[in-house]
Protein backbone atom coordinates (compact mmCIF):
# COMPACT_ATOMS: atom_id res chain seq x y z
CA UNK A 1 43.05 -6.46 64.10
CA UNK A 2 43.93 -9.79 65.71
CA UNK A 3 41.90 -12.97 65.90
CA UNK A 4 43.29 -14.20 69.22
CA UNK A 5 44.97 -12.87 72.34
CA UNK A 6 48.60 -13.16 73.37
CA UNK A 7 47.52 -15.47 76.19
CA UNK A 8 45.71 -17.78 73.77
CA UNK A 9 48.77 -17.94 71.51
CA UNK A 10 51.04 -18.72 74.47
CA UNK A 11 48.72 -21.52 75.54
CA UNK A 12 48.98 -22.93 72.00
CA UNK A 13 52.78 -22.91 72.21
CA UNK A 14 53.99 -19.47 71.11
CA UNK A 15 56.89 -18.05 73.10
CA UNK A 16 58.79 -14.78 73.47
CA UNK A 17 57.91 -11.29 74.61
CA UNK A 18 54.37 -9.95 74.25
CA UNK A 19 55.50 -7.92 71.23
CA UNK A 20 57.04 -10.98 69.58
CA UNK A 21 53.95 -13.13 70.17
CA UNK A 22 51.75 -10.29 68.87
CA UNK A 23 53.82 -10.30 65.67
CA UNK A 24 53.19 -14.04 65.18
CA UNK A 25 49.49 -13.43 65.83
CA UNK A 26 49.45 -10.68 63.19
CA UNK A 27 51.06 -13.04 60.66
CA UNK A 28 48.54 -15.75 61.53
CA UNK A 29 45.63 -13.32 61.18
CA UNK A 30 46.80 -12.31 57.70
CA UNK A 31 47.05 -15.94 56.61
CA UNK A 32 43.59 -16.73 57.95
CA UNK A 33 42.09 -13.75 56.12
CA UNK A 34 43.78 -14.77 52.86
CA UNK A 35 42.71 -18.41 53.27
CA UNK A 36 39.07 -17.86 54.26
CA UNK A 37 38.46 -14.62 52.30
CA UNK A 38 36.58 -13.40 55.36
CA UNK A 39 36.95 -10.68 57.97
CA UNK A 40 36.17 -11.83 61.49
CA UNK A 41 35.73 -8.40 63.06
CA UNK A 42 33.64 -5.42 61.91
CA UNK A 43 35.85 -3.64 59.38
CA UNK A 44 35.20 -0.53 57.22
CA UNK A 45 35.99 -1.40 53.63
CA UNK A 46 35.61 -0.15 50.06
CA UNK A 47 34.99 -2.87 47.49
CA UNK A 48 34.87 -2.64 43.70
CA UNK A 49 32.92 -5.52 42.16
CA UNK A 50 31.33 -6.52 38.87
CA UNK A 51 27.66 -5.90 38.19
CA UNK A 52 26.01 -9.06 36.85
CA UNK A 53 23.45 -8.77 34.00
CA UNK A 54 20.62 -9.25 36.49
CA UNK A 55 21.88 -6.33 38.59
CA UNK A 56 23.51 -8.36 41.38
CA UNK A 57 26.85 -7.22 42.79
CA UNK A 58 28.43 -10.14 44.65
CA UNK A 59 30.62 -9.05 47.56
CA UNK A 60 33.83 -10.84 48.60
CA UNK A 61 33.25 -10.54 52.36
CA UNK A 62 30.36 -10.92 54.78
CA UNK A 63 28.60 -7.55 54.60
CA UNK A 64 27.15 -5.85 57.69
CA UNK A 65 25.96 -2.58 56.20
CA UNK A 66 26.40 -0.46 53.07
CA UNK A 67 26.62 3.32 53.16
CA UNK A 68 27.12 4.10 49.48
CA UNK A 69 26.96 2.49 46.04
CA UNK A 70 28.70 4.38 43.24
CA UNK A 71 28.94 3.35 39.57
CA UNK A 72 32.48 2.93 38.28
CA UNK A 73 32.48 4.71 34.92
CA UNK A 74 35.13 6.13 32.61
CA UNK A 75 34.38 9.71 33.56
CA UNK A 76 34.70 8.76 37.24
CA UNK A 77 32.16 11.44 38.15
CA UNK A 78 28.98 9.41 38.62
CA UNK A 79 27.11 10.31 41.81
CA UNK A 80 26.35 7.77 44.53
CA UNK A 81 23.05 6.02 44.02
CA UNK A 82 20.18 6.83 46.38
CA UNK A 83 19.40 4.10 48.90
CA UNK A 84 16.13 3.43 47.07
CA UNK A 85 18.17 2.19 44.08
CA UNK A 86 19.60 -0.87 45.85
CA UNK A 87 19.15 -3.36 48.65
CA UNK A 88 21.65 -5.47 50.58
CA UNK A 89 21.63 -9.15 51.50
CA UNK A 90 24.11 -10.78 53.88
CA UNK A 91 25.31 -14.32 54.53
CA UNK A 92 24.66 -13.51 58.19
CA UNK A 93 21.13 -14.67 57.29
CA UNK A 94 21.04 -18.41 56.63
CA UNK A 95 20.54 -19.14 52.94
CA UNK A 96 21.40 -15.64 51.79
CA UNK A 97 24.47 -14.29 50.00
CA UNK A 98 26.60 -11.18 50.45
CA UNK A 99 25.46 -8.90 47.67
CA UNK A 100 24.07 -5.56 46.62
CA UNK A 101 20.98 -5.92 44.42
CA UNK A 102 20.38 -3.03 42.06
CA UNK A 103 16.72 -2.27 41.47
CA UNK A 104 16.71 -2.65 37.71
CA UNK A 105 12.95 -2.29 37.49
CA UNK A 106 12.57 0.63 39.91
CA UNK A 107 12.44 4.34 39.34
CA UNK A 108 12.55 7.59 41.27
CA UNK A 109 11.09 10.72 39.73
CA UNK A 110 13.22 12.81 42.14
CA UNK A 111 16.50 11.42 40.77
CA UNK A 112 17.70 13.00 37.53
CA UNK A 113 17.90 10.33 34.84
CA UNK A 114 16.07 7.68 36.90
CA UNK A 115 12.55 9.03 36.34
CA UNK A 116 9.81 6.62 35.32
CA UNK A 117 9.51 8.30 31.90
CA UNK A 118 13.31 8.00 31.43
CA UNK A 119 13.54 4.25 31.89
CA UNK A 120 13.99 4.35 35.66
CA UNK A 121 17.16 3.02 37.26
CA UNK A 122 17.71 0.52 34.48
CA UNK A 123 17.84 3.29 31.91
CA UNK A 124 20.12 5.31 34.16
CA UNK A 125 22.55 2.40 34.64
CA UNK A 126 22.56 1.64 30.90
CA UNK A 127 23.34 5.25 30.03
CA UNK A 128 26.22 5.17 32.50
CA UNK A 129 27.50 1.92 30.99
CA UNK A 130 27.71 0.58 34.52
CA UNK A 131 29.76 -2.63 34.63
CA UNK A 132 31.23 -2.25 38.11
CA UNK A 133 30.15 -0.61 41.34
CA UNK A 134 32.15 0.81 44.24
CA UNK A 135 30.61 -0.35 47.52
CA UNK A 136 31.45 1.43 50.76
CA UNK A 137 30.34 -0.13 54.01
CA UNK A 138 31.19 -2.30 56.99
CA UNK A 139 32.15 -5.93 56.50
CA UNK A 140 32.96 -8.86 58.75
CA UNK A 141 31.54 -10.90 61.62
CA UNK A 142 30.07 -9.33 64.75
CA UNK A 143 32.88 -10.94 66.76
CA UNK A 144 35.65 -13.47 66.22
CA UNK A 145 34.20 -17.03 66.36
CA UNK A 146 35.74 -19.33 68.96
CA UNK A 147 37.09 -21.74 66.33
CA UNK A 148 38.79 -18.88 64.50
CA UNK A 149 40.44 -17.70 67.72
CA UNK A 150 41.66 -21.22 68.39
CA UNK A 151 42.92 -21.53 64.81
CA UNK A 152 44.75 -18.20 65.06
CA UNK A 153 46.49 -19.20 68.30
CA UNK A 154 47.59 -22.55 66.85
CA UNK A 155 48.75 -20.93 63.62
CA UNK A 156 50.77 -18.28 65.47
CA UNK A 157 52.66 -21.02 67.30
CA UNK A 158 53.01 -23.00 64.06
CA UNK A 159 54.48 -20.06 62.13
CA UNK A 160 56.93 -19.35 64.94
CA UNK A 161 58.04 -22.98 65.06
CA UNK A 162 58.67 -22.91 61.30
CA UNK A 163 60.59 -19.64 61.45
CA UNK A 164 62.73 -20.58 64.46
CA UNK A 165 63.80 -24.25 64.14
CA UNK A 166 64.86 -26.26 67.16
CA UNK A 167 68.51 -27.05 67.93
CA UNK A 168 67.95 -30.59 66.63
CA UNK A 169 66.63 -29.26 63.34
CA UNK A 170 69.62 -26.95 63.00
CA UNK A 171 72.05 -29.81 63.60
CA UNK A 172 70.42 -31.88 60.84
CA UNK A 173 70.49 -29.03 58.30
CA UNK A 174 74.06 -28.10 57.30
CA UNK A 175 72.85 -25.08 55.39
CA UNK A 176 71.19 -23.61 58.48
CA UNK A 177 73.04 -21.73 61.22
CA UNK A 178 71.63 -20.47 64.52
CA UNK A 179 73.04 -18.21 67.18
CA UNK A 180 73.23 -18.99 70.91
CA UNK A 181 69.55 -18.09 71.33
CA UNK A 182 68.37 -20.36 68.52
CA UNK A 183 67.72 -17.59 65.99
CA UNK A 184 68.23 -18.42 62.34
CA UNK A 185 71.17 -16.40 60.99
CA UNK A 186 71.99 -18.06 57.66
CA UNK A 187 70.08 -20.05 55.07
CA UNK A 188 71.78 -21.35 51.94
CA UNK A 189 70.00 -22.04 48.65
CA UNK A 190 70.06 -25.78 49.36
CA UNK A 191 68.09 -25.31 52.58
CA UNK A 192 65.34 -23.14 51.11
CA UNK A 193 61.91 -24.64 50.50
CA UNK A 194 61.28 -25.04 46.76
CA UNK A 195 57.51 -25.60 46.86
CA UNK A 196 55.96 -23.12 49.30
CA UNK A 197 52.28 -23.52 50.10
CA UNK A 198 50.09 -20.83 48.54
CA UNK A 199 48.42 -18.74 51.27
CA UNK A 200 45.17 -18.76 49.32
CA UNK A 201 44.98 -22.57 49.22
CA UNK A 202 46.15 -23.28 52.76
CA UNK A 203 47.20 -21.53 55.94
CA UNK A 204 50.26 -23.76 55.99
CA UNK A 205 48.83 -25.97 58.73
CA UNK A 206 46.44 -28.81 57.93
CA UNK A 207 45.16 -28.69 61.51
CA UNK A 208 44.26 -25.01 61.18
CA UNK A 209 42.78 -25.57 57.70
CA UNK A 210 40.44 -28.18 59.19
CA UNK A 211 39.28 -25.75 61.90
CA UNK A 212 38.55 -23.04 59.33
CA UNK A 213 36.86 -25.10 56.62
CA UNK A 214 33.40 -24.00 57.73
CA UNK A 215 34.33 -20.35 57.23
CA UNK A 216 35.66 -20.50 53.66
CA UNK A 217 34.17 -17.90 51.35
CA UNK A 218 35.15 -19.20 47.92
CA UNK A 219 31.92 -18.54 46.01
CA UNK A 220 32.34 -14.78 45.62
CA UNK A 221 36.14 -14.59 45.66
CA UNK A 222 37.43 -11.46 43.95
CA UNK A 223 41.17 -11.27 43.44
CA UNK A 224 43.11 -8.53 45.16
CA UNK A 225 40.50 -7.77 47.82
């Protein structure tokens, strides 16, 4: 998965072989994903998320489709829920959120434990002690937005520039040595950055952050996903 092409990254200032530029693009793509908490291409994914008291399971990425919803229980043997037990909403629709909505008030007399006389799905979920659900589906945008591609190209060049300082930078930093091709070969403790920027709070480039601000997905952030 890459959010821009090698040609776009070169236009933004990245240099080197195609493989080297592709590596900078990969690093930029990872930073953008961590910063926005979004996926900008259709991506199969399994998500484990909390079930709110009202039966809403907020998802940490834009959801395209859901193929299965399975309760996460201690016995780890709960069956997947039938599609009639849940519905999906996506932020692809203006004003909506990425979530699976469990049908607390519904029932299905063909599903063991979810019959109308057994309390329906609500009774079934309560008997399972369902606090989390495992969601399997496809997440992400239909295609990479133009601003994200531009941001990825700029960030690839930015990361490369940070990793491979210019000759002038090397001359000003006594703790930094470069070889004849400008590659960094030694960094002393004095030259190391002491306050690195957290990938989750910034991409490392204020210019790129500004391009991506409209794509931030902070409301349903779930750590580790």
